[in-house]
Amino acid sequence: MEQWLKERGTSTELRSVIITIASSCAGVRDLLARSLVKGADKSNQFDDEQLNVDISTDTLISQNLRKCESVAAWASEETPTITVSRPSARVPHFVAYDPLDGSSIIDTNFAVGSIFGIWPGQTPVGQRVGNMVASVVASYGPRCIVFVAVKGAVAEFHLLPEIKAWHLVRQIPPVAAKAKIFSPGNLRASTELPWYKVLLEDYMQRKVTLRYTGGMVPDILQIFIKGSGIFITPSSPSFKMKLRVCFECGPMAFMAEQVGCATTEADGNSYLERVVSTTNDRSGIIVGSKEDVERAVKLSHQMIASKI
């Protein structure tokens, strides 16, 4: 992993942060393997009910980030208040992360993951999502897989637990412009968003493959692995999105655009243009093959304009 990062021209400091994150993901994998899943009898600041593994994974990751001399500050979905460990302006990076994405499906033993966005400075507030310098996404399934994104490239690494090393599987090639699979989130919103209902019906009529687990990590990572696809999860008046800009959507959008995907909130603008106002920001998101994302945006604009 470090060699791949060197070849991409990353700084020593950024490599240190990414290696620390990867090491944390290996630790999370071991923690999940030996943990029973149960409620923690408490909620986080977003009013989401917490599980014991939400808290333990967050603690593990934050302890590792505190030790990394290239991390100035961090915040997580479980602890969204910014923690500053090194106030010096010379410390270059902020890390925003979701320690356990998909905890609502972990009791079924579906794949879950961790999402990390690495930003310059000590806070993402006031910055564009596109200002990120890297993102890391881990998937904890039959294998522990980590995807690392830097400007212009994404690579897939598998954990070799017997030697505690990361094996470079491949650099992800550009994603095809047309999707062969679709993953529709927040389906209840289709009762209030006519464009979303029409889009879903069209995918089914055209017999496009449906692959949806309910976890953002596996549902977006499969686009990179399979080479095409679209992930859609819009917000509607009665069915608001819980996805967070800093901890989930932003890092995923950054990674996706490095391999040629389009990303948007359905307004037609790249998600990378979104400016973070607070670490509590939420949004919907569309990610995937360019033609399909553009089609979804066009359909939403047409139907809204005609008030269908």
C-alpha atoms as a PDB file:
ATOM      1  CA  MET A   1       0.000   0.000   0.000  1.00  0.00           C
ATOM      2  CA  GLU A   2       2.748   2.446   0.905  1.00  0.00           C
ATOM      3  CA  GLN A   3       4.581   1.719  -2.354  1.00  0.00           C
ATOM      4  CA  TRP A   4       1.432   2.356  -4.395  1.00  0.00           C
ATOM      5  CA  LEU A   5       0.908   5.625  -2.565  1.00  0.00           C
ATOM      6  CA  LYS A   6       4.513   6.679  -3.207  1.00  0.00           C
ATOM      7  CA  GLU A   7       4.054   5.988  -6.911  1.00  0.00           C
ATOM      8  CA  ARG A   8       1.000   8.278  -6.866  1.00  0.00           C
ATOM      9  CA  GLY A   9       3.171  11.106  -5.527  1.00  0.00           C
ATOM     10  CA  THR A  10       1.486  11.384  -2.128  1.00  0.00           C
ATOM     11  CA  SER A  11       3.252  13.188   0.699  1.00  0.00           C
ATOM     12  CA  THR A  12       4.857  11.403   3.625  1.00  0.00           C
ATOM     13  CA  GLU A  13       2.217  12.919   5.910  1.00  0.00           C
ATOM     14  CA  LEU A  14      -0.713  11.731   3.789  1.00  0.00           C
ATOM     15  CA  ARG A  15       0.758   8.249   3.507  1.00  0.00           C
ATOM     16  CA  SER A  16       1.032   8.156   7.287  1.00  0.00           C
ATOM     17  CA  VAL A  17      -2.658   9.010   7.680  1.00  0.00           C
ATOM     18  CA  ILE A  18      -3.784   6.422   5.119  1.00  0.00           C
ATOM     19  CA  ILE A  19      -1.623   3.666   6.625  1.00  0.00           C
ATOM     20  CA  THR A  20      -3.008   4.517  10.084  1.00  0.00           C
ATOM     21  CA  ILE A  21      -6.547   4.247   8.722  1.00  0.00           C
ATOM     22  CA  ALA A  22      -5.807   0.917   7.031  1.00  0.00           C
ATOM     23  CA  SER A  23      -4.339  -0.429  10.253  1.00  0.00           C
ATOM     24  CA  SER A  24      -7.490   0.699  12.050  1.00  0.00           C
ATOM     25  CA  CYS A  25      -9.625  -1.181   9.521  1.00  0.00           C
ATOM     26  CA  ALA A  26      -7.660  -4.356  10.199  1.00  0.00           C
ATOM     27  CA  GLY A  27      -8.356  -3.809  13.890  1.00  0.00           C
ATOM     28  CA  VAL A  28     -12.067  -3.283  13.239  1.00  0.00           C
ATOM     29  CA  ARG A  29     -12.167  -6.528  11.274  1.00  0.00           C
ATOM     30  CA  ASP A  30     -10.750  -8.429  14.257  1.00  0.00           C
ATOM     31  CA  LEU A  31     -13.068  -6.626  16.677  1.00  0.00           C
ATOM     32  CA  LEU A  32     -16.184  -7.521  14.651  1.00  0.00           C
ATOM     33  CA  ALA A  33     -15.099 -11.156  14.375  1.00  0.00           C
ATOM     34  CA  ARG A  34     -15.106 -11.567  18.149  1.00  0.00           C
ATOM     35  CA  SER A  35     -18.006  -9.268  19.097  1.00  0.00           C
ATOM     36  CA  LEU A  36     -21.611 -10.064  19.865  1.00  0.00           C
ATOM     37  CA  VAL A  37     -23.943  -7.423  18.452  1.00  0.00           C
ATOM     38  CA  LYS A  38     -26.311  -5.804  20.932  1.00  0.00           C
ATOM     39  CA  GLY A  39     -27.886  -2.459  21.660  1.00  0.00           C
ATOM     40  CA  ALA A  40     -25.910   0.062  23.668  1.00  0.00           C
ATOM     41  CA  ASP A  41     -29.056   1.614  25.227  1.00  0.00           C
ATOM     42  CA  LYS A  42     -28.079   5.030  23.924  1.00  0.00           C
ATOM     43  CA  SER A  43     -28.234   7.167  20.772  1.00  0.00           C
ATOM     44  CA  ASN A  44     -25.634   9.283  19.021  1.00  0.00           C
ATOM     45  CA  GLN A  45     -26.025  13.000  18.344  1.00  0.00           C
ATOM     46  CA  PHE A  46     -28.022  12.240  15.187  1.00  0.00           C
ATOM     47  CA  ASP A  47     -30.590  10.340  17.332  1.00  0.00           C
ATOM     48  CA  ASP A  48     -29.580   7.023  15.749  1.00  0.00           C
ATOM     49  CA  GLU A  49     -29.766   4.095  18.162  1.00  0.00           C
ATOM     50  CA  GLN A  50     -26.232   2.880  18.814  1.00  0.00           C
ATOM     51  CA  LEU A  51     -24.965  -0.667  18.960  1.00  0.00           C
ATOM     52  CA  ASN A  52     -22.078  -1.799  21.110  1.00  0.00           C
ATOM     53  CA  VAL A  53     -19.997  -2.279  17.942  1.00  0.00           C
ATOM     54  CA  ASP A  54     -20.686   1.314  16.833  1.00  0.00           C
ATOM     55  CA  ILE A  55     -19.066   2.541  20.032  1.00  0.00           C
ATOM     56  CA  SER A  56     -16.175   0.062  20.128  1.00  0.00           C
ATOM     57  CA  THR A  57     -15.170   0.633  16.483  1.00  0.00           C
ATOM     58  CA  ASP A  58     -15.345   4.404  16.952  1.00  0.00           C
ATOM     59  CA  THR A  59     -13.124   4.154  20.026  1.00  0.00           C
ATOM     60  CA  LEU A  60     -10.576   1.961  18.247  1.00  0.00           C
ATOM     61  CA  ILE A  61     -10.286   4.290  15.265  1.00  0.00           C
ATOM     62  CA  SER A  62     -10.117   7.497  17.306  1.00  0.00           C
ATOM     63  CA  GLN A  63      -7.339   6.057  19.485  1.00  0.00           C
ATOM     64  CA  ASN A  64      -5.278   5.282  16.386  1.00  0.00           C
ATOM     65  CA  LEU A  65      -5.886   8.720  14.852  1.00  0.00           C
ATOM     66  CA  ARG A  66      -4.781  10.354  18.100  1.00  0.00           C
ATOM     67  CA  LYS A  67      -1.419   8.597  17.766  1.00  0.00           C
ATOM     68  CA  CYS A  68      -0.860   9.698  14.163  1.00  0.00           C
ATOM     69  CA  GLU A  69       1.298  12.825  14.087  1.00  0.00           C
ATOM     70  CA  SER A  70      -0.083  13.860  10.698  1.00  0.00           C
ATOM     71  CA  VAL A  71      -3.678  14.101  11.976  1.00  0.00           C
ATOM     72  CA  ALA A  72      -4.623  17.498  13.403  1.00  0.00           C
ATOM     73  CA  ALA A  73      -8.249  16.700  14.219  1.00  0.00           C
ATOM     74  CA  TRP A  74     -11.098  14.319  13.487  1.00  0.00           C
ATOM     75  CA  ALA A  75     -14.827  13.734  13.843  1.00  0.00           C
ATOM     76  CA  SER A  76     -17.025  10.685  13.327  1.00  0.00           C
ATOM     77  CA  GLU A  77     -20.665   9.893  12.747  1.00  0.00           C
ATOM     78  CA  GLU A  78     -20.817   8.586  16.304  1.00  0.00           C
ATOM     79  CA  THR A  79     -18.939  11.601  17.724  1.00  0.00           C
ATOM     80  CA  PRO A  80     -19.533  14.471  15.261  1.00  0.00           C
ATOM     81  CA  THR A  81     -18.014  17.151  17.490  1.00  0.00           C
ATOM     82  CA  ILE A  82     -14.532  17.918  16.168  1.00  0.00           C
ATOM     83  CA  THR A  83     -11.712  16.589  18.334  1.00  0.00           C
ATOM     84  CA  VAL A  84      -8.466  18.550  17.977  1.00  0.00           C
ATOM     85  CA  SER A  85      -5.370  16.607  18.985  1.00  0.00           C
ATOM     86  CA  ARG A  86      -2.713  18.829  17.384  1.00  0.00           C
ATOM     87  CA  PRO A  87      -3.695  22.507  17.076  1.00  0.00           C
ATOM     88  CA  SER A  88      -0.510  23.457  15.261  1.00  0.00           C
ATOM     89  CA  ALA A  89      -1.170  24.818  11.784  1.00  0.00           C
ATOM     90  CA  ARG A  90       1.727  22.694  10.536  1.00  0.00           C
ATOM     91  CA  VAL A  91      -0.239  19.457  11.081  1.00  0.00           C
ATOM     92  CA  PRO A  92      -1.872  18.987   7.693  1.00  0.00           C
ATOM     93  CA  HIS A  93      -4.903  16.690   7.898  1.00  0.00           C
ATOM     94  CA  PHE A  94      -8.435  16.319   9.239  1.00  0.00           C
ATOM     95  CA  VAL A  95     -10.216  12.938   9.142  1.00  0.00           C
ATOM     96  CA  ALA A  96     -14.009  12.545   8.998  1.00  0.00           C
ATOM     97  CA  TYR A  97     -15.255   8.976   9.256  1.00  0.00           C
ATOM     98  CA  ASP A  98     -18.155   6.596   9.720  1.00  0.00           C
ATOM     99  CA  PRO A  99     -16.700   3.820  11.889  1.00  0.00           C
ATOM    100  CA  LEU A 100     -19.356   1.257  11.011  1.00  0.00           C
ATOM    101  CA  ASP A 101     -21.505   1.985   7.990  1.00  0.00           C
ATOM    102  CA  GLY A 102     -24.396  -0.472   7.719  1.00  0.00           C
ATOM    103  CA  SER A 103     -24.791  -1.260  11.411  1.00  0.00           C
ATOM    104  CA  SER A 104     -28.553  -1.702  10.800  1.00  0.00           C
ATOM    105  CA  ILE A 105     -27.803  -4.844   8.758  1.00  0.00           C
ATOM    106  CA  ILE A 106     -24.897  -6.201  10.787  1.00  0.00           C
ATOM    107  CA  ASP A 107     -27.152  -8.517  12.812  1.00  0.00           C
ATOM    108  CA  THR A 108     -28.004 -10.360   9.568  1.00  0.00           C
ATOM    109  CA  ASN A 109     -24.258 -10.811   8.896  1.00  0.00           C
ATOM    110  CA  PHE A 110     -24.389  -8.777   5.702  1.00  0.00           C
ATOM    111  CA  ALA A 111     -21.199  -6.994   4.683  1.00  0.00           C
ATOM    112  CA  VAL A 112     -20.637  -3.691   6.499  1.00  0.00           C
ATOM    113  CA  GLY A 113     -17.852  -1.167   6.216  1.00  0.00           C
ATOM    114  CA  SER A 114     -16.001   1.934   7.341  1.00  0.00           C
ATOM    115  CA  ILE A 115     -15.758   5.213   5.410  1.00  0.00           C
ATOM    116  CA  PHE A 116     -13.023   7.851   5.768  1.00  0.00           C
ATOM    117  CA  GLY A 117     -12.518  11.258   4.180  1.00  0.00           C
ATOM    118  CA  ILE A 118      -9.157  13.019   4.546  1.00  0.00           C
ATOM    119  CA  TRP A 119      -9.225  16.815   4.319  1.00  0.00           C
ATOM    120  CA  PRO A 120      -6.568  19.508   4.426  1.00  0.00           C
ATOM    121  CA  GLY A 121      -6.452  21.595   7.590  1.00  0.00           C
ATOM    122  CA  GLN A 122      -8.266  21.179  10.896  1.00  0.00           C
ATOM    123  CA  THR A 123     -11.908  21.221   9.755  1.00  0.00           C
ATOM    124  CA  PRO A 124     -13.952  20.441   6.640  1.00  0.00           C
ATOM    125  CA  VAL A 125     -16.435  23.196   7.470  1.00  0.00           C
ATOM    126  CA  GLY A 126     -16.388  25.842   4.746  1.00  0.00           C
ATOM    127  CA  GLN A 127     -14.587  23.536   2.309  1.00  0.00           C
ATOM    128  CA  ARG A 128     -15.828  21.903  -0.878  1.00  0.00           C
ATOM    129  CA  VAL A 129     -16.139  18.136  -0.873  1.00  0.00           C
ATOM    130  CA  GLY A 130     -13.686  18.218  -3.779  1.00  0.00           C
ATOM    131  CA  ASN A 131     -11.033  19.685  -1.486  1.00  0.00           C
ATOM    132  CA  MET A 132     -10.483  16.249   0.024  1.00  0.00           C
ATOM    133  CA  VAL A 133      -7.040  14.829  -0.647  1.00  0.00           C
ATOM    134  CA  ALA A 134      -7.955  11.163  -0.193  1.00  0.00           C
ATOM    135  CA  SER A 135     -10.665   8.780   0.936  1.00  0.00           C
ATOM    136  CA  VAL A 136     -10.582   5.215   2.229  1.00  0.00           C
ATOM    137  CA  VAL A 137     -13.438   2.701   2.312  1.00  0.00           C
ATOM    138  CA  ALA A 138     -13.253  -0.702   4.010  1.00  0.00           C
ATOM    139  CA  SER A 139     -15.598  -3.643   3.499  1.00  0.00           C
ATOM    140  CA  TYR A 140     -15.813  -6.368   6.146  1.00  0.00           C
ATOM    141  CA  GLY A 141     -17.205  -9.446   4.443  1.00  0.00           C
ATOM    142  CA  PRO A 142     -15.718 -12.898   3.826  1.00  0.00           C
ATOM    143  CA  ARG A 143     -12.531 -10.929   3.144  1.00  0.00           C
ATOM    144  CA  CYS A 144     -11.397  -7.588   4.523  1.00  0.00           C
ATOM    145  CA  ILE A 145     -11.037  -5.222   1.566  1.00  0.00           C
ATOM    146  CA  VAL A 146      -9.884  -1.614   1.548  1.00  0.00           C
ATOM    147  CA  PHE A 147     -10.240   0.822  -1.346  1.00  0.00           C
ATOM    148  CA  VAL A 148      -7.915   3.823  -1.296  1.00  0.00           C
ATOM    149  CA  ALA A 149      -8.609   6.910  -3.414  1.00  0.00           C
ATOM    150  CA  VAL A 150      -6.193   9.742  -4.102  1.00  0.00           C
ATOM    151  CA  LYS A 151      -6.432  12.361  -6.831  1.00  0.00           C
ATOM    152  CA  GLY A 152      -6.751  10.493 -10.125  1.00  0.00           C
ATOM    153  CA  ALA A 153      -6.614   6.894  -8.885  1.00  0.00           C
ATOM    154  CA  VAL A 154      -8.319   4.233  -6.759  1.00  0.00           C
ATOM    155  CA  ALA A 155      -6.751   0.935  -5.707  1.00  0.00           C
ATOM    156  CA  GLU A 156      -8.180  -2.201  -4.132  1.00  0.00           C
ATOM    157  CA  PHE A 157      -6.250  -3.942  -1.336  1.00  0.00           C
ATOM    158  CA  HIS A 158      -6.997  -7.213   0.447  1.00  0.00           C
ATOM    159  CA  LEU A 159      -5.860  -7.847   3.998  1.00  0.00           C
ATOM    160  CA  LEU A 160      -3.568 -10.872   4.393  1.00  0.00           C
ATOM    161  CA  PRO A 161      -4.254 -11.484   8.109  1.00  0.00           C
ATOM    162  CA  GLU A 162      -1.626 -14.184   8.554  1.00  0.00           C
ATOM    163  CA  ILE A 163       1.135 -11.676   7.827  1.00  0.00           C
ATOM    164  CA  LYS A 164      -0.840  -8.517   8.706  1.00  0.00           C
ATOM    165  CA  ALA A 165      -0.161  -6.932   5.323  1.00  0.00           C
ATOM    166  CA  TRP A 166      -2.221  -5.338   2.557  1.00  0.00           C
ATOM    167  CA  HIS A 167      -2.018  -6.983  -0.870  1.00  0.00           C
ATOM    168  CA  LEU A 168      -2.574  -4.757  -3.911  1.00  0.00           C
ATOM    169  CA  VAL A 169      -5.206  -6.479  -6.031  1.00  0.00           C
ATOM    170  CA  ARG A 170      -5.535  -3.882  -8.777  1.00  0.00           C
ATOM    171  CA  GLN A 171      -5.941  -0.247  -9.640  1.00  0.00           C
ATOM    172  CA  ILE A 172      -9.593   0.289 -10.508  1.00  0.00           C
ATOM    173  CA  PRO A 173     -10.163   1.028 -14.221  1.00  0.00           C
ATOM    174  CA  PRO A 174     -12.646   3.674 -15.363  1.00  0.00           C
ATOM    175  CA  VAL A 175     -16.283   2.765 -14.767  1.00  0.00           C
ATOM    176  CA  ALA A 176     -18.410   2.246 -17.900  1.00  0.00           C
ATOM    177  CA  ALA A 177     -20.780   5.051 -18.910  1.00  0.00           C
ATOM    178  CA  LYS A 178     -23.879   2.828 -18.888  1.00  0.00           C
ATOM    179  CA  ALA A 179     -25.039   0.902 -15.805  1.00  0.00           C
ATOM    180  CA  LYS A 180     -25.747  -2.816 -15.816  1.00  0.00           C
ATOM    181  CA  ILE A 181     -26.829  -2.881 -12.169  1.00  0.00           C
ATOM    182  CA  PHE A 182     -28.883  -0.500 -10.033  1.00  0.00           C
ATOM    183  CA  SER A 183     -29.165  -0.034  -6.282  1.00  0.00           C
ATOM    184  CA  PRO A 184     -32.200   2.004  -5.195  1.00  0.00           C
ATOM    185  CA  GLY A 185     -32.177   3.315  -1.633  1.00  0.00           C
ATOM    186  CA  ASN A 186     -34.973   5.072   0.265  1.00  0.00           C
ATOM    187  CA  LEU A 187     -37.632   3.397  -1.896  1.00  0.00           C
ATOM    188  CA  ARG A 188     -40.405   5.003   0.152  1.00  0.00           C
ATOM    189  CA  ALA A 189     -39.420   8.309  -1.420  1.00  0.00           C
ATOM    190  CA  SER A 190     -40.772   7.018  -4.762  1.00  0.00           C
ATOM    191  CA  THR A 191     -44.300   7.613  -3.387  1.00  0.00           C
ATOM    192  CA  GLU A 192     -43.509  11.346  -3.316  1.00  0.00           C
ATOM    193  CA  LEU A 193     -40.992  11.681  -6.145  1.00  0.00           C
ATOM    194  CA  PRO A 194     -42.653  10.765  -9.471  1.00  0.00           C
ATOM    195  CA  TRP A 195     -39.326  10.886 -11.324  1.00  0.00           C
ATOM    196  CA  TYR A 196     -37.854   8.298  -8.965  1.00  0.00           C
ATOM    197  CA  LYS A 197     -40.825   5.965  -9.424  1.00  0.00           C
ATOM    198  CA  VAL A 198     -40.622   6.261 -13.222  1.00  0.00           C
ATOM    199  CA  LEU A 199     -36.875   5.652 -13.175  1.00  0.00           C
ATOM    200  CA  LEU A 200     -37.202   2.504 -11.062  1.00  0.00           C
ATOM    201  CA  GLU A 201     -40.007   1.139 -13.225  1.00  0.00           C
ATOM    202  CA  ASP A 202     -37.901   1.729 -16.331  1.00  0.00           C
ATOM    203  CA  TYR A 203     -34.939  -0.180 -14.869  1.00  0.00           C
ATOM    204  CA  MET A 204     -37.199  -3.119 -14.075  1.00  0.00           C
ATOM    205  CA  GLN A 205     -38.844  -3.080 -17.502  1.00  0.00           C
ATOM    206  CA  ARG A 206     -35.429  -3.043 -19.175  1.00  0.00           C
ATOM    207  CA  LYS A 207     -34.377  -5.953 -16.926  1.00  0.00           C
ATOM    208  CA  VAL A 208     -31.376  -4.126 -15.495  1.00  0.00           C
ATOM    209  CA  THR A 209     -29.988  -6.208 -12.615  1.00  0.00           C
ATOM    210  CA  LEU A 210     -31.150  -5.160  -9.158  1.00  0.00           C
ATOM    211  CA  ARG A 211     -28.437  -5.445  -6.493  1.00  0.00           C
ATOM    212  CA  TYR A 212     -29.188  -3.719  -3.225  1.00  0.00           C
ATOM    213  CA  THR A 213     -28.159  -4.723   0.309  1.00  0.00           C
ATOM    214  CA  GLY A 214     -29.126  -1.653   2.307  1.00  0.00           C
ATOM    215  CA  GLY A 215     -25.486  -0.868   3.063  1.00  0.00           C
ATOM    216  CA  MET A 216     -23.884   2.101   1.327  1.00  0.00           C
ATOM    217  CA  VAL A 217     -20.412   0.530   1.338  1.00  0.00           C
ATOM    218  CA  PRO A 218     -21.216  -2.734  -0.509  1.00  0.00           C
ATOM    219  CA  ASP A 219     -23.762  -1.066  -2.783  1.00  0.00           C
ATOM    220  CA  ILE A 220     -21.291   1.530  -4.067  1.00  0.00           C
ATOM    221  CA  LEU A 221     -18.147  -0.601  -4.004  1.00  0.00           C
ATOM    222  CA  GLN A 222     -19.820  -3.106  -6.315  1.00  0.00           C
ATOM    223  CA  ILE A 223     -19.944  -0.383  -8.980  1.00  0.00           C
ATOM    224  CA  PHE A 224     -16.136  -0.246  -8.945  1.00  0.00           C
ATOM    225  CA  ILE A 225     -15.763  -4.029  -8.810  1.00  0.00           C
ATOM    226  CA  LYS A 226     -18.333  -4.837 -11.522  1.00  0.00           C
ATOM    227  CA  GLY A 227     -17.291  -1.903 -13.694  1.00  0.00           C
ATOM    228  CA  SER A 228     -20.661  -0.153 -13.911  1.00  0.00           C
ATOM    229  CA  GLY A 229     -23.813   0.617 -11.966  1.00  0.00           C
ATOM    230  CA  ILE A 230     -25.808   3.315 -10.224  1.00  0.00           C
ATOM    231  CA  PHE A 231     -26.624   3.938  -6.564  1.00  0.00           C
ATOM    232  CA  ILE A 232     -29.600   6.229  -5.945  1.00  0.00           C
ATOM    233  CA  THR A 233     -30.860   7.397  -2.579  1.00  0.00           C
ATOM    234  CA  PRO A 234     -32.875  10.628  -2.794  1.00  0.00           C
ATOM    235  CA  SER A 235     -34.556  12.634  -0.072  1.00  0.00           C
ATOM    236  CA  SER A 236     -38.275  13.479  -0.126  1.00  0.00           C
ATOM    237  CA  PRO A 237     -40.501  15.677   2.086  1.00  0.00           C
ATOM    238  CA  SER A 238     -41.686  12.830   4.331  1.00  0.00           C
ATOM    239  CA  PHE A 239     -38.707  10.507   3.979  1.00  0.00           C
ATOM    240  CA  LYS A 240     -35.596  12.516   4.778  1.00  0.00           C
ATOM    241  CA  MET A 241     -32.142  11.115   4.222  1.00  0.00           C
ATOM    242  CA  LYS A 242     -29.890  10.222   7.130  1.00  0.00           C
ATOM    243  CA  LEU A 243     -26.736  10.063   5.015  1.00  0.00           C
ATOM    244  CA  ARG A 244     -24.061  12.507   6.187  1.00  0.00           C
ATOM    245  CA  VAL A 245     -22.045  14.685   3.844  1.00  0.00           C
ATOM    246  CA  CYS A 246     -18.768  14.517   5.816  1.00  0.00           C
ATOM    247  CA  PHE A 247     -18.887  10.927   6.997  1.00  0.00           C
ATOM    248  CA  GLU A 248     -20.495   9.039   4.105  1.00  0.00           C
ATOM    249  CA  CYS A 249     -21.532  10.845   0.917  1.00  0.00           C
ATOM    250  CA  GLY A 250     -18.490  13.097   0.555  1.00  0.00           C
ATOM    251  CA  PRO A 251     -15.788  10.410   0.816  1.00  0.00           C
ATOM    252  CA  MET A 252     -17.792   8.076  -1.434  1.00  0.00           C
ATOM    253  CA  ALA A 253     -18.304  10.802  -4.051  1.00  0.00           C
ATOM    254  CA  PHE A 254     -14.613  11.709  -3.996  1.00  0.00           C
ATOM    255  CA  MET A 255     -13.646   8.081  -4.577  1.00  0.00           C
ATOM    256  CA  ALA A 256     -16.250   7.529  -7.284  1.00  0.00           C
ATOM    257  CA  GLU A 257     -15.201  10.540  -9.355  1.00  0.00           C
ATOM    258  CA  GLN A 258     -11.584   9.348  -9.411  1.00  0.00           C
ATOM    259  CA  VAL A 259     -12.711   6.367 -11.537  1.00  0.00           C
ATOM    260  CA  GLY A 260     -14.986   8.284 -13.883  1.00  0.00           C
ATOM    261  CA  CYS A 261     -18.314   8.068 -12.077  1.00  0.00           C
ATOM    262  CA  ALA A 262     -20.712  10.992 -11.947  1.00  0.00           C
ATOM    263  CA  THR A 263     -22.007  12.139  -8.559  1.00  0.00           C
ATOM    264  CA  THR A 264     -24.797  14.552  -7.654  1.00  0.00           C
ATOM    265  CA  GLU A 265     -27.605  15.283  -5.210  1.00  0.00           C
ATOM    266  CA  ALA A 266     -29.999  15.180  -8.217  1.00  0.00           C
ATOM    267  CA  ASP A 267     -29.499  18.889  -8.962  1.00  0.00           C
ATOM    268  CA  GLY A 268     -27.073  18.161 -11.804  1.00  0.00           C
ATOM    269  CA  ASN A 269     -24.038  19.621 -10.046  1.00  0.00           C
ATOM    270  CA  SER A 270     -21.105  17.409  -9.131  1.00  0.00           C
ATOM    271  CA  TYR A 271     -21.295  16.368  -5.482  1.00  0.00           C
ATOM    272  CA  LEU A 272     -17.695  17.514  -5.184  1.00  0.00           C
ATOM    273  CA  GLU A 273     -18.927  21.113  -5.507  1.00  0.00           C
ATOM    274  CA  ARG A 274     -20.991  20.881  -2.331  1.00  0.00           C
ATOM    275  CA  VAL A 275     -19.716  23.091   0.492  1.00  0.00           C
ATOM    276  CA  VAL A 276     -19.776  21.700   4.032  1.00  0.00           C
ATOM    277  CA  SER A 277     -21.660  24.013   6.393  1.00  0.00           C
ATOM    278  CA  THR A 278     -21.533  21.780   9.505  1.00  0.00           C
ATOM    279  CA  THR A 279     -20.431  18.245  10.321  1.00  0.00           C
ATOM    280  CA  ASN A 280     -24.157  17.504  10.773  1.00  0.00           C
ATOM    281  CA  ASP A 281     -25.053  18.126   7.104  1.00  0.00           C
ATOM    282  CA  ARG A 282     -27.189  15.434   5.476  1.00  0.00           C
ATOM    283  CA  SER A 283     -28.166  14.819   1.879  1.00  0.00           C
ATOM    284  CA  GLY A 284     -29.348  12.406  -0.734  1.00  0.00           C
ATOM    285  CA  ILE A 285     -26.914  11.266  -3.418  1.00  0.00           C
ATOM    286  CA  ILE A 286     -26.710   9.631  -6.843  1.00  0.00           C
ATOM    287  CA  VAL A 287     -23.450   7.877  -7.758  1.00  0.00           C
ATOM    288  CA  GLY A 288     -22.467   5.795 -10.744  1.00  0.00           C
ATOM    289  CA  SER A 289     -22.179   5.406 -14.479  1.00  0.00           C
ATOM    290  CA  LYS A 290     -22.315   8.827 -16.123  1.00  0.00           C
ATOM    291  CA  GLU A 291     -25.117   8.227 -18.638  1.00  0.00           C
ATOM    292  CA  ASP A 292     -27.398   6.823 -15.965  1.00  0.00           C
ATOM    293  CA  VAL A 293     -26.705   9.598 -13.479  1.00  0.00           C
ATOM    294  CA  GLU A 294     -27.297  12.211 -16.170  1.00  0.00           C
ATOM    295  CA  ARG A 295     -30.524  10.469 -17.163  1.00  0.00           C
ATOM    296  CA  ALA A 296     -31.790  10.444 -13.571  1.00  0.00           C
ATOM    297  CA  VAL A 297     -31.050  14.161 -13.207  1.00  0.00           C
ATOM    298  CA  LYS A 298     -32.704  15.006 -16.535  1.00  0.00           C
ATOM    299  CA  LEU A 299     -35.819  13.024 -15.622  1.00  0.00           C
ATOM    300  CA  SER A 300     -36.117  14.692 -12.230  1.00  0.00           C
ATOM    301  CA  HIS A 301     -35.770  18.157 -13.763  1.00  0.00           C
ATOM    302  CA  GLN A 302     -38.299  17.418 -16.510  1.00  0.00           C
ATOM    303  CA  MET A 303     -40.944  16.066 -14.149  1.00  0.00           C
ATOM    304  CA  ILE A 304     -40.434  18.813 -11.588  1.00  0.00           C
ATOM    305  CA  ALA A 305     -40.668  21.470 -14.320  1.00  0.00           C
ATOM    306  CA  SER A 306     -43.899  19.961 -15.643  1.00  0.00           C
ATOM    307  CA  LYS A 307     -45.185  19.476 -12.063  1.00  0.00           C
ATOM    308  CA  ILE A 308     -45.967  15.832 -12.701  1.00  0.00           C
END
